[in-house]
N, C-alpha and C. Protein backbone atom coordinates (compact mmCIF):
# COMPACT_ATOMS: atom_id res chain seq x y z
N MET A 1 178.20 77.36 222.17
CA MET A 1 178.54 77.85 220.86
C MET A 1 178.16 79.32 220.79
N LYS A 2 179.03 80.11 220.26
CA LYS A 2 178.75 81.52 220.09
C LYS A 2 177.95 81.72 218.81
N TRP A 3 176.71 82.11 218.93
CA TRP A 3 175.94 82.41 217.72
C TRP A 3 174.88 83.42 218.08
N ASN A 4 174.98 84.58 217.53
CA ASN A 4 174.02 85.64 217.77
C ASN A 4 173.08 85.70 216.58
N ALA A 5 171.85 85.30 216.80
CA ALA A 5 170.88 85.29 215.71
C ALA A 5 170.47 86.70 215.33
N ILE A 6 170.35 86.93 214.06
CA ILE A 6 169.85 88.18 213.52
C ILE A 6 168.55 87.84 212.81
N PHE A 7 167.50 88.55 213.15
CA PHE A 7 166.21 88.23 212.57
C PHE A 7 165.75 89.32 211.61
N ASP A 8 165.17 88.90 210.52
CA ASP A 8 164.57 89.81 209.56
C ASP A 8 163.27 90.32 210.17
N LYS A 9 163.15 91.62 210.30
CA LYS A 9 161.98 92.20 210.96
C LYS A 9 160.69 91.97 210.18
N LEU A 10 160.78 91.81 208.87
CA LEU A 10 159.57 91.60 208.06
C LEU A 10 159.07 90.16 208.14
N THR A 11 159.98 89.20 208.06
CA THR A 11 159.56 87.80 208.02
C THR A 11 159.63 87.12 209.38
N GLY A 12 160.43 87.67 210.30
CA GLY A 12 160.60 87.03 211.60
C GLY A 12 161.55 85.84 211.54
N LYS A 13 162.14 85.60 210.37
CA LYS A 13 163.07 84.49 210.22
C LYS A 13 164.49 84.97 210.46
N GLN A 14 165.34 84.01 210.79
CA GLN A 14 166.74 84.35 211.01
C GLN A 14 167.36 84.83 209.71
N ALA A 15 168.05 85.95 209.77
CA ALA A 15 168.70 86.52 208.59
C ALA A 15 170.20 86.26 208.68
N GLU A 16 170.83 86.18 207.54
CA GLU A 16 172.28 85.96 207.48
C GLU A 16 173.02 87.27 207.72
N ASP A 17 174.04 87.22 208.54
CA ASP A 17 174.89 88.39 208.78
C ASP A 17 175.64 88.68 207.48
N PRO A 18 175.60 89.90 206.99
CA PRO A 18 176.27 90.22 205.72
C PRO A 18 177.80 90.13 205.81
N ASN A 19 178.33 90.09 207.02
CA ASN A 19 179.79 89.99 207.20
C ASN A 19 180.26 88.55 207.35
N ALA A 20 179.34 87.59 207.29
CA ALA A 20 179.68 86.19 207.53
C ALA A 20 180.53 85.61 206.42
N TRP A 21 181.43 84.72 206.82
CA TRP A 21 182.25 83.94 205.88
C TRP A 21 181.67 82.53 205.84
N HIS A 22 181.81 81.86 204.68
CA HIS A 22 181.30 80.50 204.51
C HIS A 22 182.40 79.61 203.95
N PHE A 23 182.54 78.42 204.55
CA PHE A 23 183.59 77.48 204.16
C PHE A 23 183.02 76.07 204.07
N ARG A 24 183.53 75.28 203.12
CA ARG A 24 183.28 73.84 203.07
C ARG A 24 184.23 73.20 204.08
N THR A 25 183.72 72.23 204.84
CA THR A 25 184.57 71.59 205.84
C THR A 25 184.36 70.08 205.84
N SER A 26 185.17 69.40 206.63
CA SER A 26 184.99 67.97 206.87
C SER A 26 184.41 67.72 208.26
N ILE A 27 183.75 68.72 208.82
CA ILE A 27 183.08 68.58 210.11
C ILE A 27 181.77 67.83 209.83
N MET A 28 181.71 66.55 210.19
CA MET A 28 180.64 65.68 209.71
C MET A 28 179.55 65.32 210.72
N CYS A 29 179.84 65.45 212.03
CA CYS A 29 178.89 64.91 213.00
C CYS A 29 178.96 65.69 214.32
N ASN A 30 178.13 65.30 215.25
CA ASN A 30 178.14 65.96 216.55
C ASN A 30 179.45 65.74 217.30
N GLY A 31 180.10 64.62 217.06
CA GLY A 31 181.41 64.39 217.66
C GLY A 31 182.43 65.39 217.13
N CYS A 32 182.35 65.70 215.84
CA CYS A 32 183.23 66.71 215.25
C CYS A 32 182.91 68.09 215.83
N ILE A 33 181.64 68.37 216.03
CA ILE A 33 181.25 69.65 216.64
C ILE A 33 181.84 69.75 218.04
N ALA A 34 181.79 68.65 218.79
CA ALA A 34 182.36 68.64 220.14
C ALA A 34 183.87 68.91 220.11
N LYS A 35 184.52 68.44 219.06
CA LYS A 35 185.98 68.64 218.93
C LYS A 35 186.32 70.08 218.52
N ILE A 36 185.54 70.68 217.64
CA ILE A 36 185.86 72.01 217.13
C ILE A 36 185.34 73.13 218.05
N THR A 37 184.33 72.84 218.86
CA THR A 37 183.74 73.88 219.72
C THR A 37 184.75 74.58 220.62
N PRO A 38 185.57 73.86 221.39
CA PRO A 38 186.51 74.59 222.25
C PRO A 38 187.55 75.39 221.46
N VAL A 39 187.87 74.92 220.26
CA VAL A 39 188.83 75.63 219.41
C VAL A 39 188.27 76.97 218.96
N LEU A 40 187.06 76.94 218.41
CA LEU A 40 186.46 78.16 217.89
C LEU A 40 185.93 79.07 219.00
N ASP A 41 185.36 78.49 220.04
CA ASP A 41 184.88 79.31 221.16
C ASP A 41 186.03 79.99 221.89
N GLY A 42 187.18 79.34 221.92
CA GLY A 42 188.33 79.89 222.62
C GLY A 42 189.18 80.85 221.80
N ALA A 43 188.86 80.96 220.53
CA ALA A 43 189.66 81.81 219.64
C ALA A 43 189.26 83.27 219.78
N GLU A 44 190.26 84.13 219.78
CA GLU A 44 190.01 85.57 219.76
C GLU A 44 189.60 85.96 218.35
N GLY A 45 188.69 86.91 218.25
CA GLY A 45 188.34 87.45 216.94
C GLY A 45 187.21 86.77 216.21
N ILE A 46 186.46 85.89 216.90
CA ILE A 46 185.30 85.25 216.29
C ILE A 46 184.07 85.71 217.07
N ALA A 47 183.16 86.41 216.39
CA ALA A 47 181.93 86.88 217.05
C ALA A 47 180.95 85.73 217.21
N SER A 48 180.81 84.89 216.18
CA SER A 48 179.90 83.76 216.23
C SER A 48 180.26 82.77 215.13
N TRP A 49 179.77 81.54 215.29
CA TRP A 49 180.01 80.52 214.29
C TRP A 49 178.93 79.44 214.40
N LYS A 50 178.76 78.70 213.31
CA LYS A 50 177.87 77.54 213.29
C LYS A 50 178.28 76.65 212.14
N VAL A 51 177.90 75.38 212.24
CA VAL A 51 178.15 74.42 211.17
C VAL A 51 176.82 73.81 210.77
N ALA A 52 176.55 73.78 209.47
CA ALA A 52 175.33 73.17 208.94
C ALA A 52 175.63 71.71 208.60
N LEU A 53 175.35 70.81 209.54
CA LEU A 53 175.60 69.39 209.31
C LEU A 53 174.63 68.79 208.30
N ASP A 54 173.54 69.47 208.04
CA ASP A 54 172.52 68.94 207.13
C ASP A 54 172.76 69.30 205.67
N THR A 55 173.92 69.89 205.37
CA THR A 55 174.26 70.21 203.99
C THR A 55 175.42 69.32 203.53
N PRO A 56 175.48 68.99 202.26
CA PRO A 56 176.56 68.13 201.77
C PRO A 56 177.95 68.73 201.98
N ASP A 57 178.05 70.05 201.94
CA ASP A 57 179.36 70.71 202.09
C ASP A 57 179.73 70.97 203.54
N ARG A 58 178.86 70.63 204.49
CA ARG A 58 179.12 70.85 205.92
C ARG A 58 179.63 72.28 206.12
N VAL A 59 178.79 73.22 205.77
CA VAL A 59 179.18 74.63 205.72
C VAL A 59 179.42 75.20 207.12
N LEU A 60 180.61 75.72 207.31
CA LEU A 60 180.97 76.47 208.51
C LEU A 60 180.74 77.94 208.21
N THR A 61 179.89 78.58 209.00
CA THR A 61 179.62 80.00 208.85
C THR A 61 180.23 80.71 210.05
N VAL A 62 181.06 81.70 209.77
CA VAL A 62 181.75 82.44 210.83
C VAL A 62 181.51 83.93 210.64
N VAL A 63 181.17 84.61 211.73
CA VAL A 63 181.11 86.06 211.73
C VAL A 63 182.39 86.51 212.43
N PRO A 64 183.31 87.11 211.68
CA PRO A 64 184.59 87.50 212.26
C PRO A 64 184.48 88.77 213.10
N ASP A 65 185.40 88.87 214.05
CA ASP A 65 185.51 90.07 214.87
C ASP A 65 186.99 90.33 215.13
N GLY A 66 187.75 90.35 214.02
CA GLY A 66 189.18 90.62 214.13
C GLY A 66 190.09 89.51 213.64
N ILE A 67 189.60 88.29 213.57
CA ILE A 67 190.41 87.18 213.09
C ILE A 67 190.51 87.26 211.56
N SER A 68 191.64 86.84 211.02
CA SER A 68 191.77 86.79 209.56
C SER A 68 191.30 85.42 209.07
N GLU A 69 190.97 85.36 207.79
CA GLU A 69 190.55 84.08 207.21
C GLU A 69 191.66 83.05 207.34
N GLU A 70 192.90 83.47 207.15
CA GLU A 70 194.03 82.55 207.24
C GLU A 70 194.16 81.99 208.66
N GLU A 71 193.98 82.84 209.66
CA GLU A 71 194.06 82.38 211.05
C GLU A 71 192.93 81.40 211.36
N LEU A 72 191.74 81.71 210.90
CA LEU A 72 190.60 80.82 211.11
C LEU A 72 190.84 79.47 210.46
N MET A 73 191.28 79.49 209.22
CA MET A 73 191.52 78.24 208.50
C MET A 73 192.61 77.41 209.18
N ALA A 74 193.62 78.07 209.72
CA ALA A 74 194.69 77.36 210.44
C ALA A 74 194.14 76.71 211.71
N LEU A 75 193.22 77.37 212.41
CA LEU A 75 192.61 76.79 213.60
C LEU A 75 191.83 75.53 213.26
N VAL A 76 191.03 75.60 212.21
CA VAL A 76 190.21 74.44 211.82
C VAL A 76 191.11 73.30 211.37
N ARG A 77 192.12 73.60 210.57
CA ARG A 77 193.06 72.55 210.13
C ARG A 77 193.82 71.97 211.31
N GLY A 78 194.20 72.82 212.25
CA GLY A 78 194.92 72.36 213.44
C GLY A 78 194.09 71.41 214.30
N ALA A 79 192.77 71.53 214.20
CA ALA A 79 191.87 70.63 214.93
C ALA A 79 191.64 69.33 214.16
N GLY A 80 192.22 69.22 212.96
CA GLY A 80 192.14 67.97 212.20
C GLY A 80 191.08 67.94 211.10
N PHE A 81 190.54 69.08 210.74
CA PHE A 81 189.51 69.13 209.72
C PHE A 81 190.01 69.83 208.47
N THR A 82 189.38 69.51 207.34
CA THR A 82 189.67 70.24 206.11
C THR A 82 188.74 71.45 206.05
N ILE A 83 189.20 72.49 205.38
CA ILE A 83 188.40 73.70 205.23
C ILE A 83 188.83 74.37 203.93
N GLU A 84 187.84 74.85 203.18
CA GLU A 84 188.14 75.58 201.94
C GLU A 84 187.06 76.62 201.70
N HIS A 85 187.41 77.65 200.97
CA HIS A 85 186.46 78.70 200.62
C HIS A 85 185.36 78.15 199.74
N MET A 86 184.20 78.72 199.84
CA MET A 86 183.07 78.33 198.98
C MET A 86 183.06 79.23 197.76
């Protein structure tokens, strides 16, 4: 999985990239992660991504590097998942 951690120098905790996008998804489990990983890792224009399975909205966080939101959403839908803006 492509994910470049950014750390807050004061707290030492991981900080959120200010350019990150957040989406509600139907990515529910590790099996879903296994299905979406080659799609997102293979896509041009995505710097990093992660899914928070421990949240009710199953939040997909993406740091774009040239991909449009529409292209990203089409990739996720094409893999069989729902996705919507938060």
